């Protein structure tokens, strides 16, 4: 057995306590408050999963895919406002609605865009829903929100949130400064559908899978 001189015991116990506290911090990715991009990109490959970096206190997500590791902000510090109150109607005992917040009709070069999605879902566990968020770029290119990082959209048609039952939270979708060259019209879409359904496969009749209001919001960015 390793013997530690008495004079080093206080320091050793302090270091062990700090290490154990860090290793025991496990959190769902939904509790992450601020996301930042690491040097060289926002994702790194880890087998078949993607690793996403954050800043603050070390955490490991309990979700298997995508694997998310990083940090939580120090206690008492938060970079997101608490979920704002909404006027989501209660229909047949359920609350399911989409709301974008903070997006203005237009922006000039040098303006800052800060836009959130308000998630408010209360449904039966046997009728869960998926949340899809889309973005149409100038020229008609269509992207989807696949992860929790602000400003991150991808061409892969995947839901932003899957298998939702009860959740009320805000997520930052866009947080950036308008720079020259981004000019044009940008349209954001939001919709809840039945769990496991792909709205891109039901564009001729969304009513067969739709579970919420269909939100469409457009903004125009100046080019110079």
Protein backbone atom coordinates (compact mmCIF):
# COMPACT_ATOMS: atom_id res chain seq x y z
CA UNK A 1 0.00 0.00 0.00
CA UNK A 2 1.23 3.46 -0.89
CA UNK A 3 2.24 5.48 2.21
CA UNK A 4 1.91 9.27 2.12
CA UNK A 5 3.85 11.36 4.66
CA UNK A 6 1.54 13.13 7.08
CA UNK A 7 2.68 16.56 5.98
CA UNK A 8 1.36 15.89 2.45
CA UNK A 9 -2.02 14.45 3.46
CA UNK A 10 -4.03 17.75 3.38
CA UNK A 11 -2.78 18.57 -0.13
CA UNK A 12 -3.34 15.00 -1.33
CA UNK A 13 -6.93 14.91 -0.01
CA UNK A 14 -7.69 18.25 -1.65
CA UNK A 15 -6.42 17.07 -5.05
CA UNK A 16 -8.34 13.78 -4.79
CA UNK A 17 -11.53 15.63 -3.85
CA UNK A 18 -11.20 17.95 -6.85
CA UNK A 19 -10.59 15.01 -9.21
CA UNK A 20 -13.56 13.01 -7.90
CA UNK A 21 -15.85 16.03 -8.14
CA UNK A 22 -14.88 16.53 -11.79
CA UNK A 23 -15.31 12.84 -12.69
CA UNK A 24 -18.71 12.62 -11.01
CA UNK A 25 -20.24 15.46 -13.03
CA UNK A 26 -22.50 13.86 -15.61
CA UNK A 27 -25.18 15.90 -17.39
CA UNK A 28 -27.54 15.68 -20.31
CA UNK A 29 -26.52 17.91 -23.23
CA UNK A 30 -29.80 19.82 -22.87
CA UNK A 31 -28.43 21.40 -19.68
CA UNK A 32 -25.49 22.97 -21.49
CA UNK A 33 -25.87 26.72 -21.45
CA UNK A 34 -23.15 28.07 -23.70
CA UNK A 35 -21.49 26.46 -26.68
CA UNK A 36 -18.30 27.68 -28.33
CA UNK A 37 -16.31 26.48 -31.32
CA UNK A 38 -12.89 24.94 -30.66
CA UNK A 39 -9.86 25.96 -32.72
CA UNK A 40 -10.09 24.16 -36.03
CA UNK A 41 -13.83 23.52 -36.12
CA UNK A 42 -16.92 22.68 -34.14
CA UNK A 43 -16.82 18.89 -34.29
CA UNK A 44 -14.23 16.13 -34.09
CA UNK A 45 -14.77 12.53 -35.10
CA UNK A 46 -14.84 9.83 -32.42
CA UNK A 47 -15.64 6.57 -34.13
CA UNK A 48 -19.18 6.88 -35.42
CA UNK A 49 -20.02 9.76 -33.10
CA UNK A 50 -19.34 13.48 -33.06
CA UNK A 51 -17.63 15.25 -30.17
CA UNK A 52 -18.88 18.75 -29.41
CA UNK A 53 -16.88 21.15 -27.24
CA UNK A 54 -18.17 23.65 -24.71
CA UNK A 55 -16.60 25.77 -21.99
CA UNK A 56 -16.71 25.77 -18.17
CA UNK A 57 -17.08 22.78 -15.83
CA UNK A 58 -16.21 19.35 -17.36
CA UNK A 59 -19.16 17.13 -18.32
CA UNK A 60 -19.90 13.98 -20.29
CA UNK A 61 -23.31 13.56 -21.91
CA UNK A 62 -25.37 10.47 -21.06
CA UNK A 63 -26.70 10.44 -24.63
CA UNK A 64 -24.96 7.80 -26.76
CA UNK A 65 -25.24 9.62 -30.08
CA UNK A 66 -24.01 12.17 -30.72
CA UNK A 67 -21.43 11.82 -27.96
CA UNK A 68 -21.04 15.21 -26.30
CA UNK A 69 -18.23 16.20 -24.00
CA UNK A 70 -17.16 19.58 -22.76
CA UNK A 71 -17.85 21.99 -19.94
CA UNK A 72 -20.64 23.66 -18.05
CA UNK A 73 -20.32 27.32 -17.01
CA UNK A 74 -19.31 28.07 -13.41
CA UNK A 75 -22.15 28.15 -10.90
CA UNK A 76 -24.04 31.40 -10.88
CA UNK A 77 -23.04 32.24 -14.47
CA UNK A 78 -25.33 31.72 -17.44
CA UNK A 79 -25.30 33.00 -20.98
CA UNK A 80 -28.89 32.16 -21.85
CA UNK A 81 -32.04 33.70 -20.49
CA UNK A 82 -34.57 31.38 -18.83
CA UNK A 83 -37.40 30.17 -21.05
CA UNK A 84 -39.76 33.02 -21.81
CA UNK A 85 -43.45 32.66 -21.14
CA UNK A 86 -45.45 31.70 -24.20
CA UNK A 87 -49.08 31.62 -25.16
CA UNK A 88 -49.08 28.02 -26.32
CA UNK A 89 -52.65 26.71 -26.37
CA UNK A 90 -53.68 23.55 -24.56
CA UNK A 91 -55.35 21.20 -27.04
CA UNK A 92 -56.77 17.88 -25.85
CA UNK A 93 -54.60 18.17 -22.73
CA UNK A 94 -51.40 18.67 -24.74
CA UNK A 95 -49.10 21.67 -25.23
CA UNK A 96 -47.04 21.61 -28.43
CA UNK A 97 -46.01 24.83 -30.12
CA UNK A 98 -43.06 26.42 -31.88
CA UNK A 99 -41.88 29.98 -31.27
CA UNK A 100 -38.89 31.88 -32.64
CA UNK A 101 -37.70 34.82 -30.54
CA UNK A 102 -35.41 37.75 -31.26
CA UNK A 103 -35.34 37.66 -35.07
CA UNK A 104 -35.86 41.09 -36.67
CA UNK A 105 -37.28 41.69 -40.17
CA UNK A 106 -33.95 43.08 -41.41
CA UNK A 107 -30.34 43.69 -40.39
CA UNK A 108 -27.54 46.01 -41.57
CA UNK A 109 -23.87 45.15 -41.82
CA UNK A 110 -22.46 45.41 -38.31
CA UNK A 111 -25.73 44.45 -36.61
CA UNK A 112 -25.85 41.41 -34.33
CA UNK A 113 -28.40 38.63 -34.81
CA UNK A 114 -29.51 36.83 -31.64
CA UNK A 115 -32.32 34.37 -32.24
CA UNK A 116 -33.78 31.65 -29.99
CA UNK A 117 -36.16 28.74 -30.38
CA UNK A 118 -38.62 28.31 -27.51
CA UNK A 119 -39.40 24.64 -26.89
CA UNK A 120 -42.63 24.01 -25.01
CA UNK A 121 -43.88 20.43 -25.09
CA UNK A 122 -46.20 18.54 -22.76
CA UNK A 123 -47.52 15.35 -24.33
CA UNK A 124 -48.40 11.78 -23.46
CA UNK A 125 -45.37 9.49 -23.42
CA UNK A 126 -47.12 7.24 -25.92
CA UNK A 127 -47.43 10.07 -28.46
CA UNK A 128 -44.07 11.82 -28.34
CA UNK A 129 -42.96 14.36 -30.94
CA UNK A 130 -39.86 15.37 -32.92
CA UNK A 131 -38.92 19.01 -33.52
CA UNK A 132 -37.65 19.99 -36.98
CA UNK A 133 -35.98 23.34 -37.71
CA UNK A 134 -35.08 24.35 -41.25
CA UNK A 135 -33.30 27.31 -42.83
CA UNK A 136 -33.68 28.40 -46.44
CA UNK A 137 -30.70 30.41 -47.70
CA UNK A 138 -30.68 33.00 -50.49
CA UNK A 139 -30.83 31.04 -53.73
CA UNK A 140 -33.05 28.29 -52.33
CA UNK A 141 -30.51 26.06 -50.54
CA UNK A 142 -32.22 24.31 -47.61
CA UNK A 143 -30.42 23.41 -44.37
CA UNK A 144 -31.46 21.78 -41.09
CA UNK A 145 -30.63 22.33 -37.43
CA UNK A 146 -28.98 19.08 -36.28
CA UNK A 147 -27.09 20.02 -33.09
CA UNK A 148 -26.99 22.44 -30.15
CA UNK A 149 -24.32 24.82 -31.47
CA UNK A 150 -25.47 28.31 -32.43
CA UNK A 151 -25.10 29.16 -36.15
CA UNK A 152 -24.72 25.47 -37.00
CA UNK A 153 -26.94 24.12 -39.80
CA UNK A 154 -26.37 21.15 -42.11
CA UNK A 155 -27.84 19.77 -45.35
CA UNK A 156 -28.71 16.45 -43.68
CA UNK A 157 -32.49 16.24 -43.09
CA UNK A 158 -32.60 15.31 -39.40
CA UNK A 159 -34.75 16.55 -36.48
CA UNK A 160 -33.28 19.06 -34.04
CA UNK A 161 -34.95 17.30 -31.07
CA UNK A 162 -36.22 13.74 -30.99
CA UNK A 163 -38.73 11.90 -28.83
CA UNK A 164 -39.89 14.89 -26.78
CA UNK A 165 -42.39 14.31 -24.01
CA UNK A 166 -42.10 17.14 -21.47
CA UNK A 167 -39.66 19.99 -21.99
CA UNK A 168 -39.69 23.78 -21.66
CA UNK A 169 -36.42 25.42 -22.63
CA UNK A 170 -34.82 28.06 -24.87
CA UNK A 171 -32.03 27.27 -27.34
CA UNK A 172 -29.89 29.86 -29.13
CA UNK A 173 -30.12 29.24 -32.89
CA UNK A 174 -28.23 32.24 -34.25
CA UNK A 175 -25.67 34.48 -32.55
CA UNK A 176 -23.48 36.35 -35.01
CA UNK A 177 -22.51 39.70 -36.49
CA UNK A 178 -23.69 40.54 -40.00
CA UNK A 179 -20.67 40.97 -42.28
CA UNK A 180 -20.47 41.99 -45.95
CA UNK A 181 -21.32 39.21 -48.37
CA UNK A 182 -24.16 37.62 -46.39
CA UNK A 183 -26.86 39.73 -48.01
CA UNK A 184 -30.18 38.23 -48.99
CA UNK A 185 -33.37 36.72 -47.62
CA UNK A 186 -33.21 33.97 -44.98
CA UNK A 187 -36.28 31.97 -43.93
CA UNK A 188 -36.51 29.85 -40.77
CA UNK A 189 -39.04 27.02 -40.39
CA UNK A 190 -40.19 25.21 -37.28
CA UNK A 191 -42.55 22.24 -36.88
CA UNK A 192 -43.32 19.36 -34.51
CA UNK A 193 -44.25 16.04 -36.11
CA UNK A 194 -45.09 12.57 -34.88
CA UNK A 195 -42.05 10.79 -33.46
CA UNK A 196 -39.93 9.18 -36.17
CA UNK A 197 -41.56 11.00 -39.10
CA UNK A 198 -39.67 13.01 -41.74
CA UNK A 199 -41.62 16.07 -42.94
CA UNK A 200 -39.53 16.19 -46.13
CA UNK A 201 -41.25 12.97 -47.16
CA UNK A 202 -44.72 14.43 -46.57
CA UNK A 203 -44.50 17.83 -48.25
CA UNK A 204 -47.63 17.08 -50.27
CA UNK A 205 -49.68 16.65 -47.07
CA UNK A 206 -48.02 17.59 -43.78
CA UNK A 207 -51.32 17.25 -41.93
CA UNK A 208 -50.82 13.47 -41.75
CA UNK A 209 -47.81 13.87 -39.42
CA UNK A 210 -48.06 17.47 -38.14
CA UNK A 211 -48.44 17.97 -34.38
CA UNK A 212 -48.03 21.75 -33.97
CA UNK A 213 -48.37 25.11 -35.61
CA UNK A 214 -46.07 25.57 -38.61
CA UNK A 215 -43.78 28.57 -38.01
CA UNK A 216 -42.20 30.48 -40.88
CA UNK A 217 -40.15 33.63 -40.22
CA UNK A 218 -38.04 35.59 -42.73
CA UNK A 219 -35.30 38.17 -42.31
CA UNK A 220 -33.27 40.15 -44.83
CA UNK A 221 -29.56 40.91 -44.43
CA UNK A 222 -27.85 43.85 -46.10
CA UNK A 223 -24.92 42.96 -48.33
CA UNK A 224 -22.70 45.99 -47.64
